[in-house]
């Protein structure tokens, strides 16, 4: 099955728990939990050294509010991008969260995740 064929409600049912886990793990600096749902491609690109550097040097990455607002879903190819409005517990303002999901070996995996 291609994930782009799923209804929005079904995509959010998959994406929201993944996103909450990423936020929680990022705040805790817990790479193992942060990366547990990554695709093989994503895990290779975002290795432990890169992640630990991010956790250690980014005030935003360690202080994300666990409250987020879903903004929409973009479908392209074999992936969906779920967008979230994010806030920090320490910094003023809002950020855009992006979660890219698709199938790998019949299991939904994370193919990208950023906060800008």
N, C-alpha and C. Protein backbone atom coordinates (compact mmCIF):
# COMPACT_ATOMS: atom_id res chain seq x y z
N UNK A 1 0.84 -1.19 0.00
CA UNK A 1 0.00 0.00 0.00
C UNK A 1 0.88 1.24 0.00
N UNK A 2 0.46 2.26 -0.70
CA UNK A 2 1.14 3.55 -0.70
C UNK A 2 0.47 4.44 0.33
N UNK A 3 1.23 5.06 1.18
CA UNK A 3 0.68 5.86 2.28
C UNK A 3 -0.14 7.05 1.78
N UNK A 4 0.15 7.52 0.57
CA UNK A 4 -0.60 8.68 0.06
C UNK A 4 -2.07 8.33 -0.20
N UNK A 5 -2.39 7.04 -0.26
CA UNK A 5 -3.76 6.60 -0.49
C UNK A 5 -4.61 6.62 0.78
N UNK A 6 -3.98 6.80 1.93
CA UNK A 6 -4.72 6.82 3.20
C UNK A 6 -5.46 8.15 3.37
N UNK A 7 -6.56 8.10 4.10
CA UNK A 7 -7.31 9.31 4.44
C UNK A 7 -6.52 10.13 5.46
N UNK A 8 -6.78 11.43 5.51
CA UNK A 8 -6.08 12.31 6.46
C UNK A 8 -6.19 11.80 7.89
N UNK A 9 -7.37 11.40 8.32
CA UNK A 9 -7.58 10.94 9.69
C UNK A 9 -6.68 9.74 10.01
N UNK A 10 -6.49 8.85 9.03
CA UNK A 10 -5.64 7.68 9.23
C UNK A 10 -4.16 8.06 9.27
N UNK A 11 -3.78 9.04 8.47
CA UNK A 11 -2.39 9.51 8.49
C UNK A 11 -2.08 10.18 9.82
N UNK A 12 -2.99 11.03 10.30
CA UNK A 12 -2.77 11.67 11.61
C UNK A 12 -2.70 10.64 12.74
N UNK A 13 -3.49 9.57 12.62
CA UNK A 13 -3.47 8.52 13.65
C UNK A 13 -2.10 7.84 13.72
N UNK A 14 -1.39 7.81 12.62
CA UNK A 14 -0.03 7.25 12.58
C UNK A 14 0.98 8.33 12.96
N UNK A 15 0.85 9.50 12.37
CA UNK A 15 1.86 10.56 12.51
C UNK A 15 1.92 11.15 13.91
N UNK A 16 0.78 11.40 14.52
CA UNK A 16 0.79 12.11 15.81
C UNK A 16 1.56 11.37 16.91
N UNK A 17 1.38 10.06 17.08
CA UNK A 17 2.21 9.37 18.08
C UNK A 17 3.70 9.40 17.74
N UNK A 18 4.05 9.26 16.45
CA UNK A 18 5.45 9.37 16.04
C UNK A 18 5.99 10.75 16.43
N UNK A 19 5.21 11.80 16.12
CA UNK A 19 5.66 13.16 16.39
C UNK A 19 5.84 13.40 17.88
N UNK A 20 4.87 12.94 18.67
CA UNK A 20 4.99 13.10 20.14
C UNK A 20 6.24 12.42 20.67
N UNK A 21 6.55 11.23 20.16
CA UNK A 21 7.74 10.50 20.60
C UNK A 21 9.02 11.24 20.19
N UNK A 22 9.04 11.81 18.98
CA UNK A 22 10.20 12.58 18.56
C UNK A 22 10.42 13.79 19.45
N UNK A 23 9.35 14.51 19.77
CA UNK A 23 9.46 15.69 20.63
C UNK A 23 9.95 15.30 22.02
N UNK A 24 9.35 14.28 22.60
CA UNK A 24 9.74 13.82 23.94
C UNK A 24 11.20 13.38 23.95
N UNK A 25 11.60 12.59 22.98
CA UNK A 25 12.97 12.09 22.90
C UNK A 25 13.97 13.22 22.66
N UNK A 26 13.59 14.18 21.84
CA UNK A 26 14.45 15.33 21.59
C UNK A 26 14.66 16.12 22.87
N UNK A 27 13.59 16.37 23.60
CA UNK A 27 13.70 17.11 24.87
C UNK A 27 14.59 16.39 25.87
N UNK A 28 14.56 15.07 25.84
CA UNK A 28 15.36 14.26 26.77
C UNK A 28 16.77 13.99 26.26
N UNK A 29 17.02 14.31 24.96
CA UNK A 29 18.31 13.99 24.37
C UNK A 29 18.54 12.50 24.24
N UNK A 30 17.47 11.75 24.04
CA UNK A 30 17.53 10.29 24.00
C UNK A 30 17.55 9.82 22.54
N UNK A 31 18.76 9.62 21.98
CA UNK A 31 18.88 9.25 20.58
C UNK A 31 18.22 7.92 20.25
N UNK A 32 18.37 6.93 21.11
CA UNK A 32 17.79 5.61 20.84
C UNK A 32 16.29 5.68 20.63
N UNK A 33 15.60 6.39 21.49
CA UNK A 33 14.16 6.55 21.36
C UNK A 33 13.82 7.46 20.19
N UNK A 34 14.64 8.49 19.98
CA UNK A 34 14.43 9.44 18.89
C UNK A 34 14.45 8.74 17.54
N UNK A 35 15.35 7.80 17.36
CA UNK A 35 15.57 7.18 16.05
C UNK A 35 14.86 5.85 15.85
N UNK A 36 14.11 5.38 16.83
CA UNK A 36 13.59 4.01 16.75
C UNK A 36 12.62 3.76 15.60
N UNK A 37 11.98 4.79 15.07
CA UNK A 37 11.04 4.61 13.96
C UNK A 37 11.57 5.15 12.63
N UNK A 38 12.87 5.44 12.58
CA UNK A 38 13.47 5.95 11.34
C UNK A 38 13.57 4.84 10.30
N UNK A 39 13.43 5.24 9.04
CA UNK A 39 13.74 4.33 7.94
C UNK A 39 15.24 4.08 7.96
N UNK A 40 15.68 3.05 7.29
CA UNK A 40 17.11 2.76 7.22
C UNK A 40 17.85 3.96 6.63
N UNK A 41 17.31 4.53 5.58
CA UNK A 41 17.90 5.70 4.92
C UNK A 41 18.04 6.87 5.89
N UNK A 42 17.00 7.14 6.66
CA UNK A 42 17.02 8.24 7.62
C UNK A 42 18.00 7.96 8.75
N UNK A 43 18.03 6.74 9.24
CA UNK A 43 18.94 6.38 10.33
C UNK A 43 20.39 6.55 9.91
N UNK A 44 20.71 6.22 8.67
CA UNK A 44 22.08 6.38 8.18
C UNK A 44 22.43 7.86 8.05
N UNK A 45 21.47 8.67 7.60
CA UNK A 45 21.71 10.10 7.43
C UNK A 45 21.80 10.83 8.76
N UNK A 46 21.03 10.39 9.75
CA UNK A 46 20.96 11.06 11.05
C UNK A 46 21.57 10.14 12.09
N UNK A 47 22.87 10.01 12.08
CA UNK A 47 23.52 9.08 13.01
C UNK A 47 23.61 9.66 14.41
N UNK A 48 24.10 8.85 15.33
CA UNK A 48 24.15 9.23 16.74
C UNK A 48 25.03 10.46 16.98
N UNK A 49 26.13 10.58 16.26
CA UNK A 49 27.03 11.72 16.45
C UNK A 49 26.32 13.02 16.09
N UNK A 50 25.66 13.03 14.93
CA UNK A 50 24.93 14.22 14.48
C UNK A 50 23.83 14.57 15.47
N UNK A 51 23.07 13.58 15.88
CA UNK A 51 21.96 13.82 16.81
C UNK A 51 22.43 14.32 18.16
N UNK A 52 23.47 13.70 18.70
CA UNK A 52 23.97 14.13 19.99
C UNK A 52 24.49 15.56 19.93
N UNK A 53 25.11 15.94 18.82
CA UNK A 53 25.56 17.31 18.63
C UNK A 53 24.36 18.26 18.61
N UNK A 54 23.31 17.85 17.91
CA UNK A 54 22.09 18.67 17.85
C UNK A 54 21.48 18.82 19.23
N UNK A 55 21.36 17.72 19.95
CA UNK A 55 20.77 17.78 21.29
C UNK A 55 21.60 18.66 22.23
N UNK A 56 22.90 18.58 22.11
CA UNK A 56 23.78 19.34 23.01
C UNK A 56 23.83 20.82 22.69
N UNK A 57 23.63 21.18 21.42
CA UNK A 57 23.85 22.56 21.00
C UNK A 57 22.60 23.32 20.58
N UNK A 58 21.46 22.73 20.65
CA UNK A 58 20.25 23.41 20.23
C UNK A 58 19.30 23.59 21.40
N UNK A 59 19.15 24.83 21.83
CA UNK A 59 18.20 25.12 22.90
C UNK A 59 16.79 24.73 22.48
N UNK A 60 16.46 24.96 21.21
CA UNK A 60 15.13 24.61 20.72
C UNK A 60 14.89 23.10 20.78
N UNK A 61 15.86 22.31 20.32
CA UNK A 61 15.69 20.85 20.27
C UNK A 61 15.51 20.23 21.65
N UNK A 62 15.95 20.91 22.69
CA UNK A 62 15.83 20.36 24.05
C UNK A 62 14.68 20.99 24.84
N UNK A 63 13.96 21.92 24.23
CA UNK A 63 12.90 22.64 24.95
C UNK A 63 11.65 22.82 24.10
N UNK A 64 11.25 21.77 23.42
CA UNK A 64 10.04 21.83 22.60
C UNK A 64 8.80 21.62 23.47
N UNK A 65 7.79 22.40 23.20
CA UNK A 65 6.52 22.18 23.88
C UNK A 65 5.93 20.89 23.35
N UNK A 66 5.33 20.11 24.22
CA UNK A 66 4.71 18.87 23.78
C UNK A 66 3.36 19.11 23.11
N UNK A 67 2.87 20.35 23.15
CA UNK A 67 1.65 20.72 22.45
C UNK A 67 2.01 21.18 21.04
N UNK A 68 1.37 20.60 20.05
CA UNK A 68 1.59 21.00 18.67
C UNK A 68 0.24 21.06 17.95
N UNK A 69 0.21 21.84 16.89
CA UNK A 69 -1.01 21.97 16.10
C UNK A 69 -0.76 21.41 14.71
N UNK A 70 -1.51 20.38 14.30
CA UNK A 70 -1.36 19.87 12.93
C UNK A 70 -1.83 20.94 11.95
N UNK A 71 -1.03 21.18 10.91
CA UNK A 71 -1.37 22.20 9.92
C UNK A 71 -1.83 21.64 8.59
N UNK A 72 -1.44 20.41 8.29
CA UNK A 72 -1.85 19.85 7.02
C UNK A 72 -0.98 18.68 6.61
N UNK A 73 -1.38 18.08 5.49
CA UNK A 73 -0.67 16.92 4.94
C UNK A 73 -0.41 17.18 3.47
N UNK A 74 0.81 16.89 3.05
CA UNK A 74 1.19 16.99 1.64
C UNK A 74 1.53 15.60 1.16
N UNK A 75 0.96 15.21 0.03
CA UNK A 75 1.20 13.89 -0.54
C UNK A 75 2.08 14.04 -1.77
N UNK A 76 3.14 13.21 -1.84
CA UNK A 76 4.02 13.27 -3.01
C UNK A 76 4.72 11.93 -3.16
N UNK A 77 4.60 11.35 -4.33
CA UNK A 77 5.28 10.08 -4.60
C UNK A 77 4.81 8.99 -3.66
N UNK A 78 5.73 8.45 -2.88
CA UNK A 78 5.42 7.37 -1.94
C UNK A 78 5.48 7.84 -0.50
N UNK A 79 5.44 9.17 -0.28
CA UNK A 79 5.57 9.72 1.07
C UNK A 79 4.50 10.78 1.33
N UNK A 80 4.20 10.95 2.59
CA UNK A 80 3.37 12.08 3.01
C UNK A 80 4.21 12.95 3.94
N UNK A 81 3.99 14.24 3.88
CA UNK A 81 4.63 15.17 4.80
C UNK A 81 3.54 15.75 5.67
N UNK A 82 3.68 15.59 6.97
CA UNK A 82 2.72 16.11 7.93
C UNK A 82 3.37 17.33 8.58
N UNK A 83 2.66 18.45 8.55
CA UNK A 83 3.19 19.71 9.07
C UNK A 83 2.55 20.05 10.41
N UNK A 84 3.37 20.55 11.33
CA UNK A 84 2.91 20.92 12.67
C UNK A 84 3.40 22.32 13.04
N UNK A 85 2.57 23.08 13.74
CA UNK A 85 3.00 24.33 14.37
C UNK A 85 3.57 23.95 15.74
N UNK A 86 4.81 24.38 15.97
CA UNK A 86 5.52 24.03 17.20
C UNK A 86 5.86 25.28 17.99
N UNK A 87 6.01 25.10 19.30
CA UNK A 87 6.43 26.16 20.20
C UNK A 87 7.52 25.62 21.11
N UNK A 88 8.24 26.54 21.72
CA UNK A 88 9.29 26.19 22.66
C UNK A 88 8.84 26.55 24.06
N UNK A 89 9.36 25.84 25.04
CA UNK A 89 9.07 26.18 26.43
C UNK A 89 10.01 27.28 26.91
N UNK A 90 11.03 27.63 26.12
CA UNK A 90 12.03 28.62 26.53
C UNK A 90 12.14 29.82 25.60
N UNK A 91 11.74 29.67 24.33
CA UNK A 91 11.91 30.74 23.35
C UNK A 91 10.55 31.20 22.84
N UNK A 92 10.44 32.50 22.60
CA UNK A 92 9.21 33.07 22.04
C UNK A 92 9.07 32.69 20.58
N UNK A 93 7.84 32.57 20.12
CA UNK A 93 7.59 32.36 18.71
C UNK A 93 7.08 30.97 18.38
N UNK A 94 6.98 30.74 17.09
CA UNK A 94 6.48 29.47 16.57
C UNK A 94 7.45 28.93 15.52
N UNK A 95 7.45 27.61 15.38
CA UNK A 95 8.30 26.94 14.40
C UNK A 95 7.44 25.96 13.60
N UNK A 96 7.95 25.61 12.43
CA UNK A 96 7.29 24.64 11.58
C UNK A 96 7.94 23.28 11.76
N UNK A 97 7.14 22.30 12.18
CA UNK A 97 7.60 20.93 12.28
C UNK A 97 7.19 20.17 11.04
N UNK A 98 8.09 19.30 10.56
CA UNK A 98 7.83 18.54 9.33
C UNK A 98 8.19 17.09 9.59
N UNK A 99 7.23 16.21 9.33
CA UNK A 99 7.42 14.77 9.51
C UNK A 99 7.08 14.07 8.20
N UNK A 100 8.04 13.35 7.64
CA UNK A 100 7.84 12.65 6.37
C UNK A 100 7.71 11.16 6.66
N UNK A 101 6.61 10.57 6.21
CA UNK A 101 6.32 9.16 6.46
C UNK A 101 6.14 8.40 5.16
N UNK A 102 6.51 7.14 5.20
CA UNK A 102 6.29 6.24 4.08
C UNK A 102 6.46 4.81 4.55
N UNK A 103 6.27 3.89 3.64
CA UNK A 103 6.42 2.48 3.98
C UNK A 103 7.83 1.97 3.68
N UNK A 104 8.34 1.15 4.58
CA UNK A 104 9.58 0.41 4.37
C UNK A 104 9.31 -1.01 4.86
N UNK A 105 9.40 -1.97 3.97
CA UNK A 105 9.11 -3.37 4.32
C UNK A 105 7.74 -3.51 4.98
N UNK A 106 6.73 -2.91 4.40
CA UNK A 106 5.34 -3.00 4.86
C UNK A 106 5.08 -2.36 6.22
N UNK A 107 6.00 -1.53 6.71
CA UNK A 107 5.85 -0.84 7.99
C UNK A 107 6.04 0.65 7.77
N UNK A 108 5.19 1.47 8.38
CA UNK A 108 5.35 2.92 8.26
C UNK A 108 6.58 3.34 9.04
N UNK A 109 7.45 4.10 8.39
CA UNK A 109 8.69 4.60 8.98
C UNK A 109 8.83 6.10 8.74
N UNK A 110 9.72 6.72 9.49
CA UNK A 110 10.02 8.14 9.36
C UNK A 110 11.15 8.30 8.34
N UNK A 111 10.88 9.09 7.31
CA UNK A 111 11.88 9.35 6.26
C UNK A 111 12.44 10.76 6.36
N UNK A 112 11.89 11.57 7.25
CA UNK A 112 12.42 12.91 7.46
C UNK A 112 11.71 13.55 8.63
N UNK A 113 12.43 14.39 9.37
CA UNK A 113 11.84 15.11 10.50
C UNK A 113 12.69 16.35 10.75
N UNK A 114 12.06 17.52 10.73
CA UNK A 114 12.78 18.76 10.98
C UNK A 114 11.89 19.75 11.72
N UNK A 115 12.56 20.71 12.34
CA UNK A 115 11.86 21.87 12.91
C UNK A 115 12.62 23.09 12.43
N UNK A 116 11.89 23.99 11.77
CA UNK A 116 12.48 25.22 11.24
C UNK A 116 11.72 26.41 11.76
